[in-house]
């Protein structure tokens, strides 16, 4: 919960044009403050205004994303920036943090950096590290399978999600499987997934 002082300070800062030539120290402090207060949009706005970002800039912004479970939002950028963020993650030793893994799988598969073997290897390494995949992890890896056309692997992971990890499929998981089958031209399998295997009425994502 923000203190009254923090709220008043943020209100005052909101009226200031952050495009002014403020020092890097001040902009880093603002990024950190907004991130810690949970206002990722404002934190990102200040962060983007920093012309020459240093390690403190990245640390403040990315720590805020991780705290909010929104690391994937940091990657809506180029492969070069994604690689820089990955380097930051490795230096912090948090590469097997569940939210980090989820973001990495989604981003790298969408950017075309991960081929099928690497996407699955990354998932297996996460499991071997002792990190348990969650529901979002399976949305990420099943989306990667659909994006990369890995039908057999997607089916295996969908089975493991429920049987090994005890995670009941949600609408997003079924949507991934329908997309996986549809992209591979397996229309009957996609239809059966919706009609025979879903335990609730299909939503707009399916």
C-alpha atoms as a PDB file:
ATOM      1  CA  UNK A   1       0.000   0.000   0.000  1.00  0.00           C
ATOM      2  CA  UNK A   2       1.395   3.393  -0.955  1.00  0.00           C
ATOM      3  CA  UNK A   3       1.936   5.864   1.857  1.00  0.00           C
ATOM      4  CA  UNK A   4       0.130   9.223   1.758  1.00  0.00           C
ATOM      5  CA  UNK A   5       3.494  10.870   1.120  1.00  0.00           C
ATOM      6  CA  UNK A   6       4.162   8.602  -1.858  1.00  0.00           C
ATOM      7  CA  UNK A   7       0.741   9.350  -3.325  1.00  0.00           C
ATOM      8  CA  UNK A   8       1.262  13.084  -3.014  1.00  0.00           C
ATOM      9  CA  UNK A   9       4.731  12.824  -4.522  1.00  0.00           C
ATOM     10  CA  UNK A  10       3.448  10.794  -7.469  1.00  0.00           C
ATOM     11  CA  UNK A  11       0.620  13.281  -8.041  1.00  0.00           C
ATOM     12  CA  UNK A  12       3.156  16.103  -8.110  1.00  0.00           C
ATOM     13  CA  UNK A  13       5.482  14.212 -10.471  1.00  0.00           C
ATOM     14  CA  UNK A  14       2.632  13.386 -12.833  1.00  0.00           C
ATOM     15  CA  UNK A  15       2.359  17.083 -13.622  1.00  0.00           C
ATOM     16  CA  UNK A  16       6.017  17.302 -14.617  1.00  0.00           C
ATOM     17  CA  UNK A  17       7.190  16.796 -18.194  1.00  0.00           C
ATOM     18  CA  UNK A  18       9.677  13.941 -17.907  1.00  0.00           C
ATOM     19  CA  UNK A  19      11.105  14.817 -21.316  1.00  0.00           C
ATOM     20  CA  UNK A  20      12.978  17.656 -19.675  1.00  0.00           C
ATOM     21  CA  UNK A  21      16.705  17.062 -19.434  1.00  0.00           C
ATOM     22  CA  UNK A  22      16.727  15.557 -15.975  1.00  0.00           C
ATOM     23  CA  UNK A  23      19.794  13.744 -14.735  1.00  0.00           C
ATOM     24  CA  UNK A  24      20.089  10.001 -15.086  1.00  0.00           C
ATOM     25  CA  UNK A  25      20.113   9.650 -11.302  1.00  0.00           C
ATOM     26  CA  UNK A  26      16.738  11.378 -10.993  1.00  0.00           C
ATOM     27  CA  UNK A  27      15.143   9.402 -13.824  1.00  0.00           C
ATOM     28  CA  UNK A  28      16.410   6.128 -12.375  1.00  0.00           C
ATOM     29  CA  UNK A  29      14.963   7.103  -8.996  1.00  0.00           C
ATOM     30  CA  UNK A  30      11.597   7.906 -10.592  1.00  0.00           C
ATOM     31  CA  UNK A  31      11.555   4.602 -12.470  1.00  0.00           C
ATOM     32  CA  UNK A  32      12.310   2.741  -9.258  1.00  0.00           C
ATOM     33  CA  UNK A  33       9.679   4.652  -7.283  1.00  0.00           C
ATOM     34  CA  UNK A  34       6.880   4.081  -9.791  1.00  0.00           C
ATOM     35  CA  UNK A  35       7.818   0.399 -10.148  1.00  0.00           C
ATOM     36  CA  UNK A  36       7.804  -0.159  -6.393  1.00  0.00           C
ATOM     37  CA  UNK A  37       4.419   1.574  -6.134  1.00  0.00           C
ATOM     38  CA  UNK A  38       3.054  -0.847  -8.718  1.00  0.00           C
ATOM     39  CA  UNK A  39       2.537   1.746 -11.474  1.00  0.00           C
ATOM     40  CA  UNK A  40       4.323  -0.099 -14.270  1.00  0.00           C
ATOM     41  CA  UNK A  41       2.898   2.172 -16.985  1.00  0.00           C
ATOM     42  CA  UNK A  42       4.394   5.291 -15.394  1.00  0.00           C
ATOM     43  CA  UNK A  43       7.638   3.469 -14.618  1.00  0.00           C
ATOM     44  CA  UNK A  44       7.918   2.399 -18.244  1.00  0.00           C
ATOM     45  CA  UNK A  45       7.183   5.932 -19.421  1.00  0.00           C
ATOM     46  CA  UNK A  46      10.068   7.322 -17.381  1.00  0.00           C
ATOM     47  CA  UNK A  47      12.320   4.410 -18.348  1.00  0.00           C
ATOM     48  CA  UNK A  48      11.674   4.974 -22.052  1.00  0.00           C
ATOM     49  CA  UNK A  49      12.602   8.636 -21.652  1.00  0.00           C
ATOM     50  CA  UNK A  50      16.133   7.736 -20.505  1.00  0.00           C
ATOM     51  CA  UNK A  51      18.434   8.231 -23.483  1.00  0.00           C
ATOM     52  CA  UNK A  52      21.416   6.283 -22.115  1.00  0.00           C
ATOM     53  CA  UNK A  53      20.167   3.597 -19.754  1.00  0.00           C
ATOM     54  CA  UNK A  54      22.598   2.110 -17.251  1.00  0.00           C
ATOM     55  CA  UNK A  55      22.424  -1.033 -15.105  1.00  0.00           C
ATOM     56  CA  UNK A  56      20.391   0.778 -12.455  1.00  0.00           C
ATOM     57  CA  UNK A  57      17.811   1.783 -15.080  1.00  0.00           C
ATOM     58  CA  UNK A  58      17.379  -1.794 -16.260  1.00  0.00           C
ATOM     59  CA  UNK A  59      17.426  -3.184 -12.733  1.00  0.00           C
ATOM     60  CA  UNK A  60      14.657  -0.839 -11.559  1.00  0.00           C
ATOM     61  CA  UNK A  61      12.399  -1.460 -14.544  1.00  0.00           C
ATOM     62  CA  UNK A  62      12.815  -5.214 -14.813  1.00  0.00           C
ATOM     63  CA  UNK A  63      12.543  -5.789 -11.077  1.00  0.00           C
ATOM     64  CA  UNK A  64       9.219  -3.971 -11.258  1.00  0.00           C
ATOM     65  CA  UNK A  65       8.042  -6.215 -14.090  1.00  0.00           C
ATOM     66  CA  UNK A  66       9.029  -9.349 -12.196  1.00  0.00           C
ATOM     67  CA  UNK A  67       7.370  -8.134  -8.990  1.00  0.00           C
ATOM     68  CA  UNK A  68       4.129  -7.649 -10.922  1.00  0.00           C
ATOM     69  CA  UNK A  69       4.495 -10.920 -12.849  1.00  0.00           C
ATOM     70  CA  UNK A  70       4.592  -8.980 -16.118  1.00  0.00           C
ATOM     71  CA  UNK A  71       8.068  -9.663 -17.433  1.00  0.00           C
ATOM     72  CA  UNK A  72       6.732 -10.520 -20.887  1.00  0.00           C
ATOM     73  CA  UNK A  73       5.654  -6.885 -21.154  1.00  0.00           C
ATOM     74  CA  UNK A  74       9.297  -5.892 -21.114  1.00  0.00           C
ATOM     75  CA  UNK A  75       9.926  -7.784 -24.323  1.00  0.00           C
ATOM     76  CA  UNK A  76       7.563  -6.097 -26.785  1.00  0.00           C
ATOM     77  CA  UNK A  77      10.658  -4.939 -28.604  1.00  0.00           C
ATOM     78  CA  UNK A  78      13.447  -6.122 -30.862  1.00  0.00           C
ATOM     79  CA  UNK A  79      15.453  -9.312 -30.532  1.00  0.00           C
ATOM     80  CA  UNK A  80      18.431  -7.159 -29.542  1.00  0.00           C
ATOM     81  CA  UNK A  81      16.580  -5.716 -26.532  1.00  0.00           C
ATOM     82  CA  UNK A  82      15.227  -9.149 -25.616  1.00  0.00           C
ATOM     83  CA  UNK A  83      18.799 -10.494 -25.599  1.00  0.00           C
ATOM     84  CA  UNK A  84      19.912  -7.624 -23.351  1.00  0.00           C
ATOM     85  CA  UNK A  85      17.102  -8.378 -20.924  1.00  0.00           C
ATOM     86  CA  UNK A  86      17.998 -12.068 -20.983  1.00  0.00           C
ATOM     87  CA  UNK A  87      21.560 -11.121 -20.100  1.00  0.00           C
ATOM     88  CA  UNK A  88      20.294  -9.102 -17.144  1.00  0.00           C
ATOM     89  CA  UNK A  89      18.246 -12.090 -15.999  1.00  0.00           C
ATOM     90  CA  UNK A  90      21.285 -14.373 -16.185  1.00  0.00           C
ATOM     91  CA  UNK A  91      23.455 -11.939 -14.232  1.00  0.00           C
ATOM     92  CA  UNK A  92      20.835 -11.787 -11.504  1.00  0.00           C
ATOM     93  CA  UNK A  93      20.683 -15.597 -11.371  1.00  0.00           C
ATOM     94  CA  UNK A  94      16.909 -15.678 -11.792  1.00  0.00           C
ATOM     95  CA  UNK A  95      16.708 -17.455 -15.134  1.00  0.00           C
ATOM     96  CA  UNK A  96      14.586 -20.224 -13.599  1.00  0.00           C
ATOM     97  CA  UNK A  97      12.118 -17.914 -11.901  1.00  0.00           C
ATOM     98  CA  UNK A  98       8.739 -19.142 -13.162  1.00  0.00           C
ATOM     99  CA  UNK A  99       7.583 -15.770 -14.508  1.00  0.00           C
ATOM    100  CA  UNK A 100      10.955 -15.306 -16.222  1.00  0.00           C
ATOM    101  CA  UNK A 101      10.783 -18.718 -17.889  1.00  0.00           C
ATOM    102  CA  UNK A 102       7.232 -18.055 -19.057  1.00  0.00           C
ATOM    103  CA  UNK A 103       8.252 -14.754 -20.605  1.00  0.00           C
ATOM    104  CA  UNK A 104      11.361 -16.175 -22.254  1.00  0.00           C
ATOM    105  CA  UNK A 105       9.478 -19.006 -23.927  1.00  0.00           C
ATOM    106  CA  UNK A 106       6.779 -16.695 -25.291  1.00  0.00           C
ATOM    107  CA  UNK A 107       9.078 -13.935 -26.462  1.00  0.00           C
ATOM    108  CA  UNK A 108      11.804 -15.997 -28.036  1.00  0.00           C
ATOM    109  CA  UNK A 109       9.373 -18.285 -29.840  1.00  0.00           C
ATOM    110  CA  UNK A 110       7.448 -15.260 -31.175  1.00  0.00           C
ATOM    111  CA  UNK A 111      10.648 -13.550 -32.259  1.00  0.00           C
ATOM    112  CA  UNK A 112      11.786 -16.709 -34.022  1.00  0.00           C
ATOM    113  CA  UNK A 113      14.837 -17.121 -31.766  1.00  0.00           C
ATOM    114  CA  UNK A 114      13.811 -20.478 -30.343  1.00  0.00           C
ATOM    115  CA  UNK A 115      13.381 -23.397 -32.690  1.00  0.00           C
ATOM    116  CA  UNK A 116      11.359 -26.390 -31.577  1.00  0.00           C
ATOM    117  CA  UNK A 117      14.214 -28.246 -29.942  1.00  0.00           C
ATOM    118  CA  UNK A 118      15.436 -25.206 -28.006  1.00  0.00           C
ATOM    119  CA  UNK A 119      11.977 -24.252 -26.756  1.00  0.00           C
ATOM    120  CA  UNK A 120      11.408 -27.730 -25.365  1.00  0.00           C
ATOM    121  CA  UNK A 121      14.960 -27.947 -24.001  1.00  0.00           C
ATOM    122  CA  UNK A 122      14.421 -24.677 -22.136  1.00  0.00           C
ATOM    123  CA  UNK A 123      11.268 -26.107 -20.580  1.00  0.00           C
ATOM    124  CA  UNK A 124      13.038 -29.330 -19.582  1.00  0.00           C
ATOM    125  CA  UNK A 125      15.936 -27.386 -18.056  1.00  0.00           C
ATOM    126  CA  UNK A 126      13.479 -25.396 -15.994  1.00  0.00           C
ATOM    127  CA  UNK A 127      11.928 -28.609 -14.647  1.00  0.00           C
ATOM    128  CA  UNK A 128      15.356 -30.105 -13.872  1.00  0.00           C
ATOM    129  CA  UNK A 129      16.311 -26.922 -11.997  1.00  0.00           C
ATOM    130  CA  UNK A 130      13.549 -27.694  -9.512  1.00  0.00           C
ATOM    131  CA  UNK A 131      11.167 -24.994 -10.714  1.00  0.00           C
ATOM    132  CA  UNK A 132       7.613 -26.278 -11.082  1.00  0.00           C
ATOM    133  CA  UNK A 133       5.739 -25.082 -14.178  1.00  0.00           C
ATOM    134  CA  UNK A 134       2.459 -23.348 -13.521  1.00  0.00           C
ATOM    135  CA  UNK A 135      -0.655 -22.802 -15.598  1.00  0.00           C
ATOM    136  CA  UNK A 136       0.905 -19.815 -17.366  1.00  0.00           C
ATOM    137  CA  UNK A 137       4.037 -21.832 -18.169  1.00  0.00           C
ATOM    138  CA  UNK A 138       1.905 -24.329 -20.056  1.00  0.00           C
ATOM    139  CA  UNK A 139       0.097 -21.582 -21.938  1.00  0.00           C
ATOM    140  CA  UNK A 140       3.531 -20.306 -22.960  1.00  0.00           C
ATOM    141  CA  UNK A 141       4.996 -23.655 -24.028  1.00  0.00           C
ATOM    142  CA  UNK A 142       1.795 -24.808 -25.767  1.00  0.00           C
ATOM    143  CA  UNK A 143       1.677 -21.483 -27.626  1.00  0.00           C
ATOM    144  CA  UNK A 144       5.282 -22.056 -28.672  1.00  0.00           C
ATOM    145  CA  UNK A 145       4.387 -25.556 -29.918  1.00  0.00           C
ATOM    146  CA  UNK A 146       1.481 -24.118 -31.912  1.00  0.00           C
ATOM    147  CA  UNK A 147       3.690 -21.340 -33.316  1.00  0.00           C
ATOM    148  CA  UNK A 148       6.399 -23.848 -34.290  1.00  0.00           C
ATOM    149  CA  UNK A 149       4.100 -26.634 -35.523  1.00  0.00           C
ATOM    150  CA  UNK A 150       5.122 -29.184 -32.876  1.00  0.00           C
ATOM    151  CA  UNK A 151       1.954 -31.287 -32.729  1.00  0.00           C
ATOM    152  CA  UNK A 152       3.334 -34.379 -30.985  1.00  0.00           C
ATOM    153  CA  UNK A 153       5.192 -32.350 -28.388  1.00  0.00           C
ATOM    154  CA  UNK A 154       2.154 -30.190 -27.750  1.00  0.00           C
ATOM    155  CA  UNK A 155      -0.010 -33.255 -27.155  1.00  0.00           C
ATOM    156  CA  UNK A 156       2.574 -34.706 -24.762  1.00  0.00           C
ATOM    157  CA  UNK A 157       2.846 -31.471 -22.785  1.00  0.00           C
ATOM    158  CA  UNK A 158      -0.932 -31.108 -22.589  1.00  0.00           C
ATOM    159  CA  UNK A 159      -1.085 -34.613 -21.103  1.00  0.00           C
ATOM    160  CA  UNK A 160       1.782 -33.913 -18.663  1.00  0.00           C
ATOM    161  CA  UNK A 161       0.142 -30.694 -17.501  1.00  0.00           C
ATOM    162  CA  UNK A 162      -2.824 -32.589 -16.152  1.00  0.00           C
ATOM    163  CA  UNK A 163      -1.453 -36.009 -15.255  1.00  0.00           C
ATOM    164  CA  UNK A 164       1.949 -35.087 -13.830  1.00  0.00           C
ATOM    165  CA  UNK A 165       1.485 -31.542 -12.544  1.00  0.00           C
ATOM    166  CA  UNK A 166      -2.200 -31.682 -11.632  1.00  0.00           C
ATOM    167  CA  UNK A 167      -3.084 -28.532 -13.556  1.00  0.00           C
ATOM    168  CA  UNK A 168      -6.610 -28.533 -14.964  1.00  0.00           C
ATOM    169  CA  UNK A 169      -6.755 -27.106 -18.496  1.00  0.00           C
ATOM    170  CA  UNK A 170      -8.264 -23.645 -18.809  1.00  0.00           C
ATOM    171  CA  UNK A 171      -9.741 -21.951 -21.845  1.00  0.00           C
ATOM    172  CA  UNK A 172      -6.301 -20.644 -22.819  1.00  0.00           C
ATOM    173  CA  UNK A 173      -4.814 -24.154 -22.893  1.00  0.00           C
ATOM    174  CA  UNK A 174      -7.610 -25.476 -25.078  1.00  0.00           C
ATOM    175  CA  UNK A 175      -7.212 -22.460 -27.358  1.00  0.00           C
ATOM    176  CA  UNK A 176      -3.525 -23.309 -27.750  1.00  0.00           C
ATOM    177  CA  UNK A 177      -4.340 -26.896 -28.660  1.00  0.00           C
ATOM    178  CA  UNK A 178      -7.023 -25.869 -31.159  1.00  0.00           C
ATOM    179  CA  UNK A 179      -4.541 -23.453 -32.695  1.00  0.00           C
ATOM    180  CA  UNK A 180      -1.893 -26.191 -32.748  1.00  0.00           C
ATOM    181  CA  UNK A 181      -4.162 -28.606 -34.601  1.00  0.00           C
ATOM    182  CA  UNK A 182      -5.623 -25.947 -36.873  1.00  0.00           C
ATOM    183  CA  UNK A 183      -2.217 -24.645 -37.928  1.00  0.00           C
ATOM    184  CA  UNK A 184      -1.183 -28.200 -38.809  1.00  0.00           C
ATOM    185  CA  UNK A 185      -4.343 -28.731 -40.875  1.00  0.00           C
ATOM    186  CA  UNK A 186      -5.714 -31.268 -38.402  1.00  0.00           C
ATOM    187  CA  UNK A 187      -9.262 -29.945 -38.458  1.00  0.00           C
ATOM    188  CA  UNK A 188     -10.890 -33.097 -37.078  1.00  0.00           C
ATOM    189  CA  UNK A 189      -8.556 -33.094 -34.067  1.00  0.00           C
ATOM    190  CA  UNK A 190      -9.265 -29.407 -33.442  1.00  0.00           C
ATOM    191  CA  UNK A 191     -13.022 -30.048 -33.656  1.00  0.00           C
ATOM    192  CA  UNK A 192     -12.812 -33.026 -31.301  1.00  0.00           C
ATOM    193  CA  UNK A 193     -10.799 -31.002 -28.807  1.00  0.00           C
ATOM    194  CA  UNK A 194     -13.652 -28.501 -28.607  1.00  0.00           C
ATOM    195  CA  UNK A 195     -16.614 -30.890 -28.746  1.00  0.00           C
ATOM    196  CA  UNK A 196     -15.380 -33.956 -26.860  1.00  0.00           C
ATOM    197  CA  UNK A 197     -12.581 -32.898 -24.503  1.00  0.00           C
ATOM    198  CA  UNK A 198     -13.470 -29.431 -23.253  1.00  0.00           C
ATOM    199  CA  UNK A 199     -15.274 -29.523 -19.929  1.00  0.00           C
ATOM    200  CA  UNK A 200     -16.950 -26.151 -20.406  1.00  0.00           C
ATOM    201  CA  UNK A 201     -18.479 -24.126 -23.212  1.00  0.00           C
ATOM    202  CA  UNK A 202     -15.970 -22.754 -25.705  1.00  0.00           C
ATOM    203  CA  UNK A 203     -15.238 -19.046 -25.328  1.00  0.00           C
ATOM    204  CA  UNK A 204     -14.134 -16.452 -27.915  1.00  0.00           C
ATOM    205  CA  UNK A 205     -10.460 -17.453 -27.608  1.00  0.00           C
ATOM    206  CA  UNK A 206     -11.332 -20.915 -28.964  1.00  0.00           C
END
